Amino acid sequence: MDGILRCSRYAFGPNRLHYCGPDANSEILAYLRQGESDPGLESLLSMFRTMYPYLQLIAEANGLADPFDEQVVEAYWIGNRLLEAVGRKPFYRHLSETLGMRRRIGGRAFNLVTDKLAAGALPHHSFHVFDIWKRTGNTETEHTLESMDSCRISWGRVTAVDGPSVTLLSEPLLLREGKLTLG
């Protein structure tokens, strides 16, 4: 599978829920059904205001020209060794300048987020979902437990398939004693 198609598989769910990216879930779904990518799909994915700059950051830090290189896509969505090549300073600039997070979430919240860089945070989809408390895709609203749970990459067991509907058994995200946990 190529990186563009793989990226569209991960990006489709949050896009369908209107959390991020252009209002193009029908088009992305059509590409997924065909199982093929082309410059049109690449163009759609390049319009994701948060995801695409992360892919560019990871690619650049690793000397890769293509932000949709399959290893870059894997690094952003599920993690791999490429994340380790992104230094703290470039990650800080990415958050501050490229994504404009200081302006978008406020100085105090931005400082709390960037303090996590010194603790080893990596430019991963989960970092953005769990550590940036405001959705920064299509709408700029506070994350809720439900939106974080819907946006995170997770796992589960398919227990039933009925036409286009799938029943999935998975552990939901919960808030216990002020901490996120699975349950």
C-alpha atoms as a PDB file:
ATOM      1  CA  MET A   1       0.000   0.000   0.000  1.00  0.00           C
ATOM      2  CA  ASP A   2       1.323   3.454  -0.767  1.00  0.00           C
ATOM      3  CA  GLY A   3       1.673   6.179   1.851  1.00  0.00           C
ATOM      4  CA  ILE A   4      -1.059   8.386   0.411  1.00  0.00           C
ATOM      5  CA  LEU A   5      -3.642   5.617   0.538  1.00  0.00           C
ATOM      6  CA  ARG A   6      -2.502   4.543   3.996  1.00  0.00           C
ATOM      7  CA  CYS A   7      -2.736   8.113   5.246  1.00  0.00           C
ATOM      8  CA  SER A   8      -6.253   8.421   3.856  1.00  0.00           C
ATOM      9  CA  ARG A   9      -7.301   5.311   5.797  1.00  0.00           C
ATOM     10  CA  TYR A  10      -6.215   6.888   9.074  1.00  0.00           C
ATOM     11  CA  ALA A  11      -7.454  10.390   8.222  1.00  0.00           C
ATOM     12  CA  PHE A  12     -10.886   9.318   6.994  1.00  0.00           C
ATOM     13  CA  GLY A  13     -12.433   8.663  10.434  1.00  0.00           C
ATOM     14  CA  PRO A  14     -11.650  12.046  12.002  1.00  0.00           C
ATOM     15  CA  ASN A  15     -12.490  13.744   8.696  1.00  0.00           C
ATOM     16  CA  ARG A  16     -15.861  11.988   8.498  1.00  0.00           C
ATOM     17  CA  LEU A  17     -16.615  13.354  11.973  1.00  0.00           C
ATOM     18  CA  HIS A  18     -15.593  16.855  10.780  1.00  0.00           C
ATOM     19  CA  TYR A  19     -12.744  17.054  13.295  1.00  0.00           C
ATOM     20  CA  CYS A  20     -10.100  17.890  10.732  1.00  0.00           C
ATOM     21  CA  GLY A  21      -9.320  18.345   7.093  1.00  0.00           C
ATOM     22  CA  PRO A  22     -11.442  19.678   4.267  1.00  0.00           C
ATOM     23  CA  ASP A  23     -15.096  18.736   3.938  1.00  0.00           C
ATOM     24  CA  ALA A  24     -14.135  15.909   1.604  1.00  0.00           C
ATOM     25  CA  ASN A  25     -15.014  12.665   3.357  1.00  0.00           C
ATOM     26  CA  SER A  26     -17.127  11.476   0.406  1.00  0.00           C
ATOM     27  CA  GLU A  27     -14.213  11.949  -1.956  1.00  0.00           C
ATOM     28  CA  ILE A  28     -11.762  10.274   0.419  1.00  0.00           C
ATOM     29  CA  LEU A  29     -14.166   7.358   0.875  1.00  0.00           C
ATOM     30  CA  ALA A  30     -14.429   6.955  -2.905  1.00  0.00           C
ATOM     31  CA  TYR A  31     -10.639   6.659  -3.117  1.00  0.00           C
ATOM     32  CA  LEU A  32     -10.631   4.132  -0.279  1.00  0.00           C
ATOM     33  CA  ARG A  33     -13.265   2.032  -2.019  1.00  0.00           C
ATOM     34  CA  GLN A  34     -11.191   2.046  -5.216  1.00  0.00           C
ATOM     35  CA  GLY A  35      -8.062   1.194  -3.263  1.00  0.00           C
ATOM     36  CA  GLU A  36      -6.002   3.534  -5.411  1.00  0.00           C
ATOM     37  CA  SER A  37      -4.374   6.892  -4.929  1.00  0.00           C
ATOM     38  CA  ASP A  38      -3.601   9.640  -7.387  1.00  0.00           C
ATOM     39  CA  PRO A  39      -2.652  13.329  -7.283  1.00  0.00           C
ATOM     40  CA  GLY A  40      -6.270  14.208  -6.450  1.00  0.00           C
ATOM     41  CA  LEU A  41      -6.152  12.251  -3.189  1.00  0.00           C
ATOM     42  CA  GLU A  42      -2.744  13.703  -2.382  1.00  0.00           C
ATOM     43  CA  SER A  43      -4.183  17.177  -2.914  1.00  0.00           C
ATOM     44  CA  LEU A  44      -7.115  16.455  -0.565  1.00  0.00           C
ATOM     45  CA  LEU A  45      -4.812  15.156   2.168  1.00  0.00           C
ATOM     46  CA  SER A  46      -2.521  18.164   1.735  1.00  0.00           C
ATOM     47  CA  MET A  47      -5.451  20.371   2.775  1.00  0.00           C
ATOM     48  CA  PHE A  48      -5.466  18.962   6.323  1.00  0.00           C
ATOM     49  CA  ARG A  49      -4.244  22.067   8.195  1.00  0.00           C
ATOM     50  CA  THR A  50      -2.838  20.112  11.135  1.00  0.00           C
ATOM     51  CA  MET A  51      -1.930  16.658   9.828  1.00  0.00           C
ATOM     52  CA  TYR A  52      -0.087  17.699   6.680  1.00  0.00           C
ATOM     53  CA  PRO A  53       2.370  20.050   8.441  1.00  0.00           C
ATOM     54  CA  TYR A  54       3.185  17.252  10.906  1.00  0.00           C
ATOM     55  CA  LEU A  55       3.943  14.943   7.972  1.00  0.00           C
ATOM     56  CA  GLN A  56       6.164  17.638   6.449  1.00  0.00           C
ATOM     57  CA  LEU A  57       8.013  18.107   9.752  1.00  0.00           C
ATOM     58  CA  ILE A  58       8.707  14.383  10.120  1.00  0.00           C
ATOM     59  CA  ALA A  59       9.778  13.996   6.486  1.00  0.00           C
ATOM     60  CA  GLU A  60      12.113  16.989   6.624  1.00  0.00           C
ATOM     61  CA  ALA A  61      13.739  15.858   9.885  1.00  0.00           C
ATOM     62  CA  ASN A  62      14.520  12.533   8.230  1.00  0.00           C
ATOM     63  CA  GLY A  63      15.762  13.908   4.908  1.00  0.00           C
ATOM     64  CA  LEU A  64      12.763  12.577   3.008  1.00  0.00           C
ATOM     65  CA  ALA A  65      11.276  14.670   0.216  1.00  0.00           C
ATOM     66  CA  ASP A  66       7.823  13.082   0.311  1.00  0.00           C
ATOM     67  CA  PRO A  67       5.597  13.830   3.326  1.00  0.00           C
ATOM     68  CA  PHE A  68       3.444  10.896   2.199  1.00  0.00           C
ATOM     69  CA  ASP A  69       6.321   8.426   2.280  1.00  0.00           C
ATOM     70  CA  GLU A  70       4.820   5.345   3.922  1.00  0.00           C
ATOM     71  CA  GLN A  71       7.303   5.462   6.818  1.00  0.00           C
ATOM     72  CA  VAL A  72       6.423   9.124   7.497  1.00  0.00           C
ATOM     73  CA  VAL A  73       2.705   8.321   7.506  1.00  0.00           C
ATOM     74  CA  GLU A  74       3.299   5.408   9.863  1.00  0.00           C
ATOM     75  CA  ALA A  75       5.403   7.607  12.159  1.00  0.00           C
ATOM     76  CA  TYR A  76       2.690  10.246  12.482  1.00  0.00           C
ATOM     77  CA  TRP A  77      -0.281   7.937  12.929  1.00  0.00           C
ATOM     78  CA  ILE A  78       1.073   4.967  14.896  1.00  0.00           C
ATOM     79  CA  GLY A  79       4.708   5.803  15.619  1.00  0.00           C
ATOM     80  CA  ASN A  80       8.109   4.566  14.508  1.00  0.00           C
ATOM     81  CA  ARG A  81      11.787   5.503  14.747  1.00  0.00           C
ATOM     82  CA  LEU A  82      11.419   8.502  12.395  1.00  0.00           C
ATOM     83  CA  LEU A  83       9.835  10.497  15.234  1.00  0.00           C
ATOM     84  CA  GLU A  84      13.110  10.384  17.158  1.00  0.00           C
ATOM     85  CA  ALA A  85      14.848  12.436  14.447  1.00  0.00           C
ATOM     86  CA  VAL A  86      12.605  15.449  15.086  1.00  0.00           C
ATOM     87  CA  GLY A  87      14.477  17.681  17.507  1.00  0.00           C
ATOM     88  CA  ARG A  88      12.844  19.718  20.261  1.00  0.00           C
ATOM     89  CA  LYS A  89      13.622  23.063  18.618  1.00  0.00           C
ATOM     90  CA  PRO A  90      12.092  22.157  15.234  1.00  0.00           C
ATOM     91  CA  PHE A  91       9.087  20.642  17.042  1.00  0.00           C
ATOM     92  CA  TYR A  92       8.683  23.840  19.089  1.00  0.00           C
ATOM     93  CA  ARG A  93       8.878  25.987  15.914  1.00  0.00           C
ATOM     94  CA  HIS A  94       6.365  23.676  14.272  1.00  0.00           C
ATOM     95  CA  LEU A  95       3.883  24.174  17.103  1.00  0.00           C
ATOM     96  CA  SER A  96       4.549  27.885  17.492  1.00  0.00           C
ATOM     97  CA  GLU A  97       5.058  29.120  13.943  1.00  0.00           C
ATOM     98  CA  THR A  98       3.744  26.531  11.504  1.00  0.00           C
ATOM     99  CA  LEU A  99       0.582  25.625  13.418  1.00  0.00           C
ATOM    100  CA  GLY A 100       0.292  28.935  15.303  1.00  0.00           C
ATOM    101  CA  MET A 101      -0.586  27.137  18.532  1.00  0.00           C
ATOM    102  CA  ARG A 102       0.411  29.971  20.881  1.00  0.00           C
ATOM    103  CA  ARG A 103      -2.143  32.213  19.178  1.00  0.00           C
ATOM    104  CA  ARG A 104      -4.750  29.480  18.814  1.00  0.00           C
ATOM    105  CA  ILE A 105      -4.701  28.013  22.326  1.00  0.00           C
ATOM    106  CA  GLY A 106      -3.259  30.913  24.331  1.00  0.00           C
ATOM    107  CA  GLY A 107       0.127  31.510  25.910  1.00  0.00           C
ATOM    108  CA  ARG A 108      -0.446  29.682  29.190  1.00  0.00           C
ATOM    109  CA  ALA A 109      -1.824  26.546  27.519  1.00  0.00           C
ATOM    110  CA  PHE A 110       0.937  26.714  24.902  1.00  0.00           C
ATOM    111  CA  ASN A 111       3.591  26.765  27.627  1.00  0.00           C
ATOM    112  CA  LEU A 112       2.026  23.701  29.263  1.00  0.00           C
ATOM    113  CA  VAL A 113       2.112  21.909  25.912  1.00  0.00           C
ATOM    114  CA  THR A 114       5.680  22.876  25.073  1.00  0.00           C
ATOM    115  CA  ASP A 115       6.879  21.857  28.547  1.00  0.00           C
ATOM    116  CA  LYS A 116       6.083  18.327  27.387  1.00  0.00           C
ATOM    117  CA  LEU A 117       8.715  18.594  24.650  1.00  0.00           C
ATOM    118  CA  ALA A 118      11.462  18.616  27.283  1.00  0.00           C
ATOM    119  CA  ALA A 119       9.854  15.517  28.788  1.00  0.00           C
ATOM    120  CA  GLY A 120      10.191  13.687  25.458  1.00  0.00           C
ATOM    121  CA  ALA A 121       6.934  14.378  23.598  1.00  0.00           C
ATOM    122  CA  LEU A 122       7.059  13.377  19.943  1.00  0.00           C
ATOM    123  CA  PRO A 123       5.218  14.845  16.908  1.00  0.00           C
ATOM    124  CA  HIS A 124       2.658  12.074  16.802  1.00  0.00           C
ATOM    125  CA  HIS A 125      -1.072  12.168  16.150  1.00  0.00           C
ATOM    126  CA  SER A 126      -1.787  11.069  19.722  1.00  0.00           C
ATOM    127  CA  PHE A 127       0.306  13.938  21.093  1.00  0.00           C
ATOM    128  CA  HIS A 128      -1.878  16.395  19.239  1.00  0.00           C
ATOM    129  CA  VAL A 129      -5.129  14.671  20.240  1.00  0.00           C
ATOM    130  CA  PHE A 130      -4.306  14.333  23.935  1.00  0.00           C
ATOM    131  CA  ASP A 131      -2.074  17.331  24.594  1.00  0.00           C
ATOM    132  CA  ILE A 132      -3.595  20.117  22.499  1.00  0.00           C
ATOM    133  CA  TRP A 133      -6.858  20.706  24.329  1.00  0.00           C
ATOM    134  CA  LYS A 134      -8.493  22.556  21.507  1.00  0.00           C
ATOM    135  CA  ARG A 135      -9.459  20.883  18.268  1.00  0.00           C
ATOM    136  CA  THR A 136      -7.497  22.711  15.619  1.00  0.00           C
ATOM    137  CA  GLY A 137      -8.916  21.222  12.455  1.00  0.00           C
ATOM    138  CA  ASN A 138     -12.163  22.441  10.901  1.00  0.00           C
ATOM    139  CA  THR A 139     -13.428  24.051  14.085  1.00  0.00           C
ATOM    140  CA  GLU A 140     -11.555  25.440  17.031  1.00  0.00           C
ATOM    141  CA  THR A 141     -13.471  24.048  19.978  1.00  0.00           C
ATOM    142  CA  GLU A 142     -12.391  22.387  23.184  1.00  0.00           C
ATOM    143  CA  HIS A 143     -11.728  18.679  22.975  1.00  0.00           C
ATOM    144  CA  THR A 144     -14.161  16.502  24.843  1.00  0.00           C
ATOM    145  CA  LEU A 145     -13.565  12.998  26.083  1.00  0.00           C
ATOM    146  CA  GLU A 146     -15.812  11.822  23.249  1.00  0.00           C
ATOM    147  CA  SER A 147     -13.915  13.745  20.565  1.00  0.00           C
ATOM    148  CA  MET A 148     -10.545  12.497  21.846  1.00  0.00           C
ATOM    149  CA  ASP A 149     -11.858   8.929  21.931  1.00  0.00           C
ATOM    150  CA  SER A 150     -13.235   9.255  18.398  1.00  0.00           C
ATOM    151  CA  CYS A 151     -10.071  10.839  17.033  1.00  0.00           C
ATOM    152  CA  ARG A 152      -7.425   8.602  18.598  1.00  0.00           C
ATOM    153  CA  ILE A 153      -5.987   5.632  16.755  1.00  0.00           C
ATOM    154  CA  SER A 154      -7.026   2.548  18.658  1.00  0.00           C
ATOM    155  CA  TRP A 155      -7.603  -1.159  18.370  1.00  0.00           C
ATOM    156  CA  GLY A 156     -10.523  -3.462  18.864  1.00  0.00           C
ATOM    157  CA  ARG A 157     -12.118  -6.736  17.897  1.00  0.00           C
ATOM    158  CA  VAL A 158     -14.772  -6.969  15.213  1.00  0.00           C
ATOM    159  CA  THR A 159     -17.648  -8.943  16.707  1.00  0.00           C
ATOM    160  CA  ALA A 160     -20.182  -8.645  13.875  1.00  0.00           C
ATOM    161  CA  VAL A 161     -20.479  -7.435  10.298  1.00  0.00           C
ATOM    162  CA  ASP A 162     -23.874  -6.596   8.845  1.00  0.00           C
ATOM    163  CA  GLY A 163     -23.548  -5.122   5.358  1.00  0.00           C
ATOM    164  CA  PRO A 164     -21.791  -1.780   5.741  1.00  0.00           C
ATOM    165  CA  SER A 165     -22.121  -1.842   9.554  1.00  0.00           C
ATOM    166  CA  VAL A 166     -19.461  -3.260  11.834  1.00  0.00           C
ATOM    167  CA  THR A 167     -19.768  -3.937  15.553  1.00  0.00           C
ATOM    168  CA  LEU A 168     -16.491  -3.421  17.340  1.00  0.00           C
ATOM    169  CA  LEU A 169     -15.472  -4.309  20.865  1.00  0.00           C
ATOM    170  CA  SER A 170     -12.881  -1.860  22.173  1.00  0.00           C
ATOM    171  CA  GLU A 171     -11.837  -0.087  25.338  1.00  0.00           C
ATOM    172  CA  PRO A 172     -13.188   3.464  25.499  1.00  0.00           C
ATOM    173  CA  LEU A 173     -11.215   6.402  26.757  1.00  0.00           C
ATOM    174  CA  LEU A 174     -12.242   7.331  30.307  1.00  0.00           C
ATOM    175  CA  LEU A 175     -11.394  10.082  32.759  1.00  0.00           C
ATOM    176  CA  ARG A 176     -10.623   8.716  36.230  1.00  0.00           C
ATOM    177  CA  GLU A 177      -9.366  10.929  39.037  1.00  0.00           C
ATOM    178  CA  GLY A 178      -8.374  13.587  36.523  1.00  0.00           C
ATOM    179  CA  LYS A 179      -6.362  11.198  34.333  1.00  0.00           C
ATOM    180  CA  LEU A 180      -7.114   9.641  30.968  1.00  0.00           C
ATOM    181  CA  THR A 181      -7.292   5.870  30.994  1.00  0.00           C
ATOM    182  CA  LEU A 182      -8.798   3.010  29.011  1.00  0.00           C
ATOM    183  CA  GLY A 183     -11.703   1.101  30.433  1.00  0.00           C
END
